Every structure is written in structure tokens, then in C-alpha cells.
Protein backbone atom coordinates (compact mmCIF):
# COMPACT_ATOMS: atom_id res chain seq x y z
CA MET A 1 -50.18 -40.35 -49.09
CA ARG A 2 -50.05 -44.09 -48.01
CA LEU A 3 -51.17 -44.37 -44.51
CA GLN A 4 -52.16 -47.57 -42.93
CA THR A 5 -55.31 -48.14 -40.81
CA PHE A 6 -54.67 -50.56 -37.91
CA VAL A 7 -57.34 -52.81 -36.18
CA THR A 8 -56.25 -51.44 -32.86
CA GLU A 9 -55.05 -47.94 -31.80
CA VAL A 10 -54.01 -49.09 -28.42
CA GLU A 11 -50.52 -50.54 -29.12
CA CYS A 12 -47.85 -50.60 -31.69
CA MET A 13 -47.25 -53.53 -33.98
CA PRO A 14 -50.34 -55.66 -32.75
CA HIS A 15 -49.57 -58.73 -34.98
CA LEU A 16 -46.79 -61.26 -34.28
CA SER A 17 -43.51 -60.08 -35.75
CA VAL A 18 -40.75 -62.74 -36.34
CA MET A 19 -37.32 -61.74 -37.79
CA ILE A 20 -35.14 -64.70 -39.09
CA LYS A 21 -31.47 -64.68 -39.61
CA PRO A 22 -30.95 -67.65 -42.24
CA SER A 23 -27.27 -67.07 -42.54
CA SER A 24 -26.47 -65.59 -39.15
CA GLY A 25 -23.95 -62.71 -39.59
CA MET A 26 -22.49 -64.11 -42.77
CA CYS A 27 -22.40 -61.77 -45.68
CA ASN A 28 -21.07 -61.44 -49.25
CA MET A 29 -20.29 -57.78 -48.68
CA SER A 30 -18.14 -56.01 -46.04
CA CYS A 31 -19.74 -52.61 -45.10
CA ASP A 32 -17.77 -50.42 -42.91
CA TYR A 33 -20.56 -49.46 -40.61
CA CYS A 34 -22.41 -52.93 -40.27
CA PHE A 35 -23.94 -52.95 -36.76
CA TYR A 36 -24.64 -56.58 -36.93
CA CYS A 37 -20.94 -57.53 -37.70
CA ASP A 38 -20.19 -55.31 -34.45
CA GLU A 39 -22.76 -57.25 -32.56
CA THR A 40 -21.42 -60.64 -33.44
CA GLN A 41 -18.04 -59.73 -32.42
CA LYS A 42 -19.26 -59.05 -28.92
CA ARG A 43 -20.60 -62.32 -28.10
CA LYS A 44 -19.04 -65.66 -27.31
CA GLN A 45 -20.06 -67.27 -30.63
CA GLU A 46 -19.67 -64.97 -33.58
CA SER A 47 -21.61 -66.83 -36.01
CA TYR A 48 -24.20 -69.66 -35.92
CA GLY A 49 -23.89 -70.77 -39.52
CA PHE A 50 -26.69 -71.62 -41.76
CA MET A 51 -30.07 -72.19 -40.16
CA SER A 52 -31.21 -75.87 -40.73
CA GLU A 53 -34.53 -76.89 -42.06
CA GLN A 54 -35.48 -78.47 -38.91
CA THR A 55 -34.91 -75.24 -37.04
CA LEU A 56 -36.87 -73.26 -39.63
CA LYS A 57 -39.77 -75.68 -39.30
CA ASN A 58 -39.90 -75.26 -35.59
CA VAL A 59 -39.71 -71.40 -35.89
CA ILE A 60 -42.41 -71.28 -38.33
CA ARG A 61 -44.52 -74.01 -36.46
CA ARG A 62 -44.40 -72.47 -32.97
CA THR A 63 -44.93 -68.92 -34.05
CA LEU A 64 -47.65 -69.55 -36.46
CA LEU A 65 -49.71 -71.65 -34.14
CA ARG A 66 -49.70 -68.88 -31.69
CA ALA A 67 -50.62 -66.08 -34.25
CA GLU A 68 -54.01 -64.42 -34.13
CA GLY A 69 -55.06 -62.23 -37.13
CA ALA A 70 -51.59 -61.67 -38.86
CA ILE A 71 -47.99 -62.69 -38.62
CA GLY A 72 -45.17 -61.13 -40.46
CA PHE A 73 -41.90 -63.05 -41.27
CA ALA A 74 -38.96 -60.89 -42.13
CA TYR A 75 -35.52 -62.35 -43.20
CA GLN A 76 -32.40 -60.41 -42.63
CA GLY A 77 -28.84 -60.93 -42.14
CA GLY A 78 -25.94 -60.74 -42.45
CA GLU A 79 -27.16 -61.52 -46.01
CA PRO A 80 -30.13 -63.86 -45.88
CA THR A 81 -29.90 -64.84 -49.63
CA LEU A 82 -26.70 -66.89 -48.89
CA ARG A 83 -28.79 -69.59 -47.42
CA GLY A 84 -30.12 -70.25 -50.96
CA LEU A 85 -33.51 -70.05 -52.62
CA PRO A 86 -34.63 -73.62 -51.64
CA PHE A 87 -34.68 -72.60 -47.99
CA PHE A 88 -37.22 -69.95 -48.73
CA GLU A 89 -39.31 -72.24 -50.88
CA GLN A 90 -39.35 -74.60 -47.92
CA ALA A 91 -40.39 -71.64 -45.47
CA LEU A 92 -43.52 -71.16 -47.68
CA LEU A 93 -44.42 -74.69 -47.45
CA TYR A 94 -44.22 -74.75 -43.67
CA GLN A 95 -46.28 -71.71 -43.64
CA ARG A 96 -49.02 -73.37 -45.42
CA GLN A 97 -48.60 -76.43 -43.40
CA TYR A 98 -48.88 -74.76 -40.00
CA ASN A 99 -51.37 -71.97 -40.66
CA LYS A 100 -54.11 -73.81 -38.89
CA ARG A 101 -55.81 -70.56 -37.93
CA ASN A 102 -55.84 -69.24 -41.45
CA VAL A 103 -54.22 -65.93 -40.27
CA ARG A 104 -52.78 -63.44 -42.81
CA VAL A 105 -49.14 -64.32 -43.59
CA THR A 106 -46.74 -61.71 -45.04
CA ASN A 107 -42.96 -62.26 -46.00
CA ALA A 108 -40.36 -59.56 -46.35
CA ILE A 109 -36.60 -59.73 -46.86
CA GLN A 110 -33.88 -57.17 -46.45
CA THR A 111 -31.03 -57.82 -48.91
CA ASN A 112 -27.88 -55.97 -50.01
CA GLY A 113 -28.72 -57.06 -53.50
CA PHE A 114 -25.39 -58.36 -54.34
CA GLY A 115 -26.42 -61.97 -55.06
CA LEU A 116 -29.86 -61.42 -56.91
CA ASN A 117 -30.60 -62.92 -60.14
CA GLU A 118 -33.72 -63.78 -62.31
CA GLU A 119 -34.53 -66.87 -60.30
CA TRP A 120 -34.63 -64.94 -57.03
CA CYS A 121 -36.66 -62.06 -58.69
CA ARG A 122 -39.22 -64.51 -60.18
CA PHE A 123 -39.83 -66.19 -56.60
CA PHE A 124 -40.20 -62.72 -54.95
CA ALA A 125 -42.82 -61.73 -57.40
CA GLU A 126 -44.68 -64.96 -57.52
CA ASN A 127 -44.75 -65.14 -53.82
CA HIS A 128 -45.47 -61.50 -53.09
CA PHE A 129 -42.42 -60.93 -50.88
CA LEU A 130 -41.69 -57.16 -50.10
CA VAL A 131 -37.92 -56.61 -50.87
CA GLY A 132 -35.81 -53.97 -48.98
CA ILE A 133 -32.76 -53.28 -50.92
CA SER A 134 -29.90 -51.26 -49.25
CA VAL A 135 -28.67 -48.34 -51.26
CA ASP A 136 -26.60 -45.41 -49.85
CA GLY A 137 -27.34 -42.75 -52.25
CA THR A 138 -25.34 -41.96 -55.35
CA LYS A 139 -22.63 -44.18 -56.62
CA ALA A 140 -19.75 -42.38 -55.14
CA LEU A 141 -21.42 -42.25 -51.67
CA HIS A 142 -22.70 -45.88 -51.88
CA ASP A 143 -19.09 -47.28 -52.88
CA LEU A 144 -17.44 -45.18 -50.01
CA HIS A 145 -18.55 -47.64 -47.31
CA ARG A 146 -20.44 -50.50 -49.05
CA HIS A 147 -17.73 -52.89 -50.51
CA ASP A 148 -17.70 -56.47 -51.61
CA ARG A 149 -15.42 -58.98 -49.60
CA ALA A 150 -12.44 -58.07 -51.75
CA GLY A 151 -12.97 -54.32 -50.86
CA GLN A 152 -14.27 -53.49 -54.30
CA PRO A 153 -17.17 -51.25 -55.14
CA THR A 154 -20.82 -52.69 -55.23
CA TYR A 155 -23.10 -49.85 -56.76
CA ASP A 156 -23.10 -51.16 -60.30
CA ARG A 157 -23.90 -54.61 -59.11
CA ILE A 158 -26.75 -53.56 -57.07
CA MET A 159 -28.27 -51.38 -59.84
CA GLN A 160 -28.29 -54.57 -61.87
CA SER A 161 -30.40 -56.21 -59.10
CA VAL A 162 -32.67 -53.12 -58.90
CA ALA A 163 -33.33 -53.45 -62.70
CA LEU A 164 -34.13 -57.09 -62.25
CA LEU A 165 -36.63 -56.36 -59.46
CA GLU A 166 -38.37 -53.85 -61.69
CA ARG A 167 -38.29 -56.24 -64.69
CA PHE A 168 -40.19 -58.82 -62.59
CA ARG A 169 -42.40 -56.11 -61.01
CA VAL A 170 -41.36 -57.00 -57.39
CA ASP A 171 -42.53 -54.59 -54.70
CA TYR A 172 -39.32 -53.11 -53.24
CA ASN A 173 -38.23 -50.16 -51.12
CA ILE A 174 -34.92 -48.51 -50.66
CA LEU A 175 -33.19 -48.62 -47.22
CA THR A 176 -30.46 -45.97 -46.83
CA VAL A 177 -28.08 -45.75 -43.76
CA VAL A 178 -27.55 -42.22 -42.75
CA ASN A 179 -24.01 -41.90 -42.08
CA ARG A 180 -22.01 -38.57 -42.12
CA ASP A 181 -21.57 -38.62 -45.83
CA VAL A 182 -25.14 -39.26 -46.72
CA ALA A 183 -26.26 -36.67 -44.35
CA GLU A 184 -24.15 -34.03 -46.00
CA HIS A 185 -25.34 -34.81 -49.43
CA ILE A 186 -28.98 -35.62 -49.05
CA GLU A 187 -30.19 -32.98 -51.65
CA GLU A 188 -28.24 -34.79 -54.14
CA ILE A 189 -29.54 -38.15 -53.02
CA TYR A 190 -33.12 -37.07 -53.02
CA GLU A 191 -32.93 -35.89 -56.66
CA GLU A 192 -31.07 -39.09 -57.76
CA TYR A 193 -33.72 -41.12 -56.12
CA ARG A 194 -36.51 -39.10 -57.85
CA LYS A 195 -34.85 -39.54 -61.22
CA LYS A 196 -34.78 -43.44 -60.66
CA GLY A 197 -38.50 -43.39 -59.72
CA TRP A 198 -37.81 -44.61 -56.15
CA MET A 199 -41.04 -43.74 -54.50
CA PHE A 200 -40.54 -45.92 -51.25
CA GLN A 201 -37.66 -44.87 -49.04
CA GLN A 202 -36.50 -45.54 -45.41
CA TYR A 203 -33.58 -43.70 -43.90
CA ILE A 204 -32.00 -44.92 -40.66
CA ALA A 205 -29.50 -43.40 -38.59
CA CYS A 206 -26.07 -44.88 -38.66
CA LEU A 207 -25.29 -46.59 -35.35
CA ASP A 208 -22.12 -46.14 -33.51
CA PRO A 209 -20.33 -49.33 -32.40
CA LEU A 210 -22.20 -50.61 -29.36
CA GLU A 211 -20.86 -49.36 -26.08
CA GLU A 212 -17.94 -47.68 -27.64
CA GLY A 213 -19.04 -44.09 -27.26
CA HIS A 214 -20.11 -41.67 -30.10
CA GLY A 215 -18.18 -40.15 -32.89
CA VAL A 216 -15.44 -42.62 -33.01
CA THR A 217 -15.61 -43.51 -36.53
CA GLU A 218 -15.28 -41.71 -39.85
CA TYR A 219 -18.92 -42.44 -40.77
CA SER A 220 -20.40 -41.42 -37.39
CA LEU A 221 -23.22 -39.09 -37.32
CA THR A 222 -23.59 -36.18 -34.82
CA PRO A 223 -26.97 -35.02 -33.46
CA LYS A 224 -26.55 -31.56 -35.28
CA GLN A 225 -25.74 -33.37 -38.76
CA TYR A 226 -28.81 -35.71 -38.13
CA GLY A 227 -31.04 -32.84 -37.35
CA THR A 228 -29.79 -30.76 -40.44
CA PHE A 229 -30.22 -33.89 -42.64
CA LEU A 230 -33.84 -34.31 -41.47
CA LYS A 231 -34.80 -30.67 -42.11
CA LYS A 232 -33.17 -30.69 -45.53
CA LEU A 233 -34.99 -33.99 -46.24
CA PHE A 234 -38.49 -32.71 -44.99
CA ASP A 235 -38.23 -29.47 -47.05
CA MET A 236 -37.79 -31.43 -50.42
CA TRP A 237 -40.38 -33.95 -49.27
CA TYR A 238 -42.93 -31.10 -48.35
CA ALA A 239 -42.25 -29.31 -51.56
CA ASP A 240 -43.23 -32.54 -53.38
CA TRP A 241 -46.34 -33.21 -51.16
CA LYS A 242 -47.45 -29.71 -52.09
CA LYS A 243 -47.32 -31.00 -55.78
CA GLY A 244 -48.84 -34.21 -55.12
CA ARG A 245 -45.73 -36.27 -55.87
CA GLN A 246 -44.08 -36.94 -52.64
CA PRO A 247 -42.24 -40.29 -52.06
CA TYR A 248 -43.33 -42.71 -49.11
CA ILE A 249 -40.67 -41.87 -46.35
CA ARG A 250 -41.48 -44.09 -43.53
CA ARG A 251 -40.35 -41.56 -40.77
CA PHE A 252 -42.46 -38.68 -42.01
CA GLU A 253 -45.36 -40.98 -42.65
CA ASN A 254 -45.24 -42.23 -39.03
CA TYR A 255 -44.89 -38.66 -37.51
CA ILE A 256 -47.89 -37.41 -39.49
CA GLY A 257 -49.93 -40.54 -38.76
CA ILE A 258 -49.50 -39.94 -35.06
CA LEU A 259 -50.67 -36.37 -35.45
CA ALA A 260 -53.67 -37.69 -37.46
CA GLY A 261 -54.60 -40.11 -34.55
CA TYR A 262 -52.98 -43.36 -35.86
CA PRO A 263 -50.61 -45.62 -34.03
CA PRO A 264 -47.16 -45.72 -35.69
CA GLU A 265 -46.09 -48.98 -37.42
CA SER A 266 -42.48 -48.33 -36.74
CA CYS A 267 -41.16 -49.51 -33.30
CA GLU A 268 -38.81 -46.54 -33.08
CA GLN A 269 -41.70 -44.19 -33.03
CA CYS A 270 -43.73 -46.15 -30.43
CA GLY A 271 -41.44 -44.79 -27.78
CA ILE A 272 -41.42 -48.40 -26.03
CA CYS A 273 -39.99 -51.54 -27.35
CA GLY A 274 -42.54 -54.11 -28.67
CA ASN A 275 -42.51 -57.83 -28.37
CA GLN A 276 -40.54 -59.02 -31.42
CA TYR A 277 -39.05 -62.45 -31.94
CA VAL A 278 -35.64 -62.09 -33.64
CA VAL A 279 -34.31 -65.62 -34.48
CA GLU A 280 -30.61 -66.47 -35.03
CA ALA A 281 -29.68 -69.34 -37.29
CA ASP A 282 -29.55 -71.84 -34.38
CA GLY A 283 -33.05 -71.10 -33.06
CA GLY A 284 -31.88 -68.62 -30.53
CA VAL A 285 -34.48 -65.82 -29.91
CA TYR A 286 -33.59 -62.30 -28.90
CA PRO A 287 -35.95 -59.31 -28.32
CA CYS A 288 -34.35 -56.86 -30.98
CA ASP A 289 -32.12 -56.99 -34.03
CA PHE A 290 -30.10 -54.27 -32.20
CA TYR A 291 -29.56 -56.42 -29.01
CA MET A 292 -28.54 -59.96 -30.28
CA LEU A 293 -25.87 -60.31 -27.50
CA ASP A 294 -25.52 -63.22 -25.16
CA GLU A 295 -27.09 -61.23 -22.22
CA TYR A 296 -30.35 -60.74 -24.30
CA ARG A 297 -30.82 -64.36 -25.42
CA LEU A 298 -34.47 -65.24 -24.39
CA GLY A 299 -34.39 -69.07 -25.41
CA ASN A 300 -34.45 -71.21 -28.41
CA LEU A 301 -37.45 -72.25 -30.65
CA ASN A 302 -36.01 -75.67 -30.97
CA GLU A 303 -36.74 -76.24 -27.44
CA ASP A 304 -38.90 -73.51 -25.92
CA LEU A 305 -42.48 -72.38 -26.35
CA LEU A 306 -43.35 -68.65 -26.80
CA ASP A 307 -44.54 -68.46 -23.18
CA ALA A 308 -41.25 -69.33 -21.77
CA ILE A 309 -39.53 -67.00 -24.19
CA ASP A 310 -41.94 -64.11 -23.18
CA GLY A 311 -41.23 -64.94 -19.55
CA LYS A 312 -37.51 -64.55 -20.07
CA ARG A 313 -38.17 -61.20 -21.84
CA LYS A 314 -40.04 -60.05 -18.83
CA GLU A 315 -37.44 -61.37 -16.34
CA ILE A 316 -34.68 -59.30 -18.09
CA GLY A 317 -36.91 -56.17 -18.25
CA PHE A 318 -36.31 -55.60 -21.77
CA VAL A 319 -39.56 -53.87 -22.77
CA GLU A 320 -39.78 -51.97 -19.36
CA ARG A 321 -36.26 -50.63 -19.63
CA SER A 322 -37.33 -48.64 -22.87
CA GLY A 323 -39.76 -46.65 -20.63
CA LYS A 324 -37.23 -45.30 -18.45
CA LEU A 325 -36.97 -41.99 -20.23
CA ASN A 326 -35.47 -38.92 -18.38
CA GLU A 327 -37.80 -36.21 -17.05
CA ALA A 328 -36.29 -33.78 -19.60
CA CYS A 329 -37.40 -35.98 -22.30
CA LYS A 330 -40.86 -36.67 -20.87
CA ASN A 331 -41.45 -32.96 -20.20
CA CYS A 332 -40.45 -31.95 -23.73
CA GLU A 333 -42.98 -30.21 -25.78
CA TYR A 334 -42.33 -32.69 -28.74
CA TYR A 335 -42.37 -35.79 -26.55
CA GLY A 336 -45.88 -36.70 -27.87
CA ILE A 337 -44.59 -36.97 -31.48
CA CYS A 338 -40.94 -37.97 -30.84
CA ARG A 339 -41.54 -40.37 -27.93
CA GLY A 340 -37.86 -40.66 -27.13
CA GLY A 341 -36.78 -42.32 -30.31
CA CYS A 342 -35.08 -45.86 -30.51
CA GLN A 343 -33.76 -47.48 -27.40
CA ARG A 344 -30.54 -48.30 -29.26
CA ASN A 345 -29.67 -44.54 -29.65
CA ARG A 346 -30.15 -43.74 -25.99
CA ASP A 347 -27.48 -43.36 -23.38
CA TYR A 348 -27.88 -44.60 -19.91
CA GLN A 349 -27.72 -42.14 -16.97
CA GLU A 350 -26.56 -43.93 -13.95
CA GLN A 351 -27.47 -41.24 -11.42
CA THR A 352 -31.18 -41.21 -12.38
CA ASP A 353 -31.48 -44.77 -13.82
CA THR A 354 -33.02 -43.28 -17.06
CA TYR A 355 -32.04 -43.02 -20.64
CA HIS A 356 -31.50 -40.04 -23.01
CA ASN A 357 -31.53 -40.18 -26.71
CA TYR A 358 -28.12 -39.15 -28.20
CA PHE A 359 -29.86 -37.49 -31.12
CA CYS A 360 -32.20 -35.45 -28.89
CA GLU A 361 -30.72 -32.12 -30.13
CA GLY A 362 -31.30 -32.99 -33.63
CA TYR A 363 -34.89 -34.18 -33.04
CA ARG A 364 -35.69 -30.90 -31.39
CA GLU A 365 -34.29 -28.83 -34.11
CA PHE A 366 -36.23 -30.88 -36.63
CA PHE A 367 -39.56 -30.65 -34.86
CA LYS A 368 -39.30 -27.03 -34.08
CA TYR A 369 -38.54 -26.41 -37.78
CA SER A 370 -41.27 -28.86 -39.28
CA LEU A 371 -43.97 -29.53 -36.88
CA GLU A 372 -46.41 -26.98 -38.03
CA ARG A 373 -46.31 -28.15 -41.53
CA MET A 374 -46.74 -31.82 -40.43
CA LYS A 375 -49.78 -30.76 -38.54
CA LYS A 376 -51.07 -29.20 -41.72
CA ILE A 377 -50.71 -32.32 -43.44
CA ALA A 378 -52.35 -34.54 -40.69
CA ASP A 379 -55.21 -32.15 -40.73
CA THR A 380 -55.97 -32.84 -44.43
CA ILE A 381 -55.83 -36.56 -43.65
CA GLY A 382 -58.15 -36.11 -40.92
CA GLY A 383 -60.60 -34.18 -43.05
CA ARG A 384 -60.60 -36.90 -45.70
CA GLN A 385 -61.51 -39.33 -42.97
CA LYS A 386 -64.61 -37.55 -41.82
């Protein structure tokens, strides 16, 4: 099992985390459930176009000069590769130029894989980029909701990109959005991923459109469906763990890490939002990828220092808000491992000025079903550390 040991066990994500949107919300695909497309349509300016090199320079300069120990740059979209390879080559030059403190710098990119070619994959390999590639299960399931701009299927094209990543020995993992159809076919998906040798997997719950209620789309995921999905996935993963061949599934690794005494590296499982810097193409900074709306804008790295941006974060109470869980959540027997889940999945309860996670029922069923087995795994990790 690949568990990370952190320098500190006091807080989640202690290093500086910077997510950059080189292409704003622009994309070469059109996925039915895209949460960022939903966000951009709910702000005054839908797209900020392509990030300029001057803005890129200011983002890297102002964050790197503040970083201590380590900094992670993640490029996401929309589709970040639309900005072109020279942009990323320039980013590396700026990183070398402004890394005055000799901190550890990591780079990652989340891509739909639609535009990858040999040149991209060679660059990723030579510069040690971690690549997240979005795949929603089998060909039939993937093509159900992930289309190109003309509405055509994309699975075969993405598999060509995966083959290129493997040919160039690029470190990559698979990101799967758990919509209703994925949840109902997880056994089939797990076996498909095993056959393809995909040993690093991440599953994220599909988001309903922001502030439009739940269950309003054909792909919406209910708490019961999500709980059943987690139980089925865990059963298969646990069976493989007993055989010493389990894939790395980020959610399970984090839960077991918590039980073994490690802080989670995933912000969702920290229980409270962290100090992230998510940067739109114009240099505008937001506290989270899920909240890139006008009311959450913290400043602009072309003009503002991080102190001012952090001050605005404090002013709007973004981090503090995520601590307002209802009493039922805080008193739950599983709170120590669940921690209330992601703020984006929580619903506001006006009478108590608190939040309740929409997927709570699913989480409770999952922990009731799997917690003892996770504790067993955690105990084996603790034994190895002694």
C-alpha cells in the first residue's frame, strides 16, 4: 500500500497548493455533467480566455517566493492543453527562475486526453509531470456522457492517448466521475481497469448543478446509490488487498491513513477547507475549484500579494464556513473518519446556520459496512511502522 508520510500531522496539505486554469473554461470536449461549465455560466464573465505569459510569470513568481518546503502546481480546465505546449515550457522556466529558496516543486495536469500526442507525452515524461486522465469506466459508459464538441464519442481517442502515456512511461492515474451509470456498473468497471493494468485510480462523486437542488439531471447520483457504489468498490478492493494486488484508490488510502494516524492528503477528507490558490486565466484567485464564482473572488495575482488574498479569504469566512457542521454530523460515530466530507456536497440549514452532507446516508452505510476491515488494514500498517 502506498501511503505518504508527511512532515506534519497537525494540518492537511501543509505545502503551498496552486491550481492554474490556462484555458479558463474552454474545452475541446463537451461532457454532460461538467461542473466547471456550470460554474462559468453563473458568473458575470463566463470565460477569461487564455492565460498570458505575463500572468503566468506573476502567478509563479508570487507563489514561489512565498513557498517554504514544497509547492505544487496543478493545471486544470476546461482543458489546459488547449493553451499549447510552449506555455508549459515557459512555466518550467519561470519555476527555475523564481525558486530562490530551493523548495521542492511538483507539477501535475488533469486532462481529458483528447488532444495528447507524442510531443506532449515526451514533455510530461522528461519533466516528471503527474498526469490525471479522465475516463468514465468502459467504452459504453464513457461515451454516454463524455462527447467531443460535435457530440461524438471520445473513448477510442482517449485510449490512444493512454497508450502514448504508457509508451513514454509517463506517471498517470485515472480519474472517474461517479455518475448514476458508473455507480450501477462498478463491478464491470473495476474488472476493466484491472485488465488494463490501471493501478492508480480516483473516483469523485458527480456534482449536481450548483444551487439547483439534487436529482435534477439524468446523471445525478443519490446518497443510496453512492453508498452502494462505495461498498461494492471496497469489497473488490479488499479482496485484492488480501491477495497483495490492490490498486491505489485515493479515497480508501486516505481513510485507512487516518485510522493509522496519518493526516489525509485529500482536502475532502480533512473535514475543513484548506488554503488553496485556484487561479483563473486572468490571474483572478479563488479559494477552491468548486467555488470559482464572482462572490468568492479573492484578488488577482497580477496586482495583489498573497497576504492581501489571504486576508480576503478570511474576510469572506470561506475556511471557517466549512467548520459549521450540524450536531448530528459532529456526534456521529463515524465523524472521526468521515469528517463531514466535501463542503461542495453539503447543504445549508438556515435554522441552525450549519451544513449537512447530502451523501451522509451513503457514507454511514459504507462505514457501517467496511470500517472494521479498514481498521484491520490500518493495524497492519501500524505494525510495520514499529
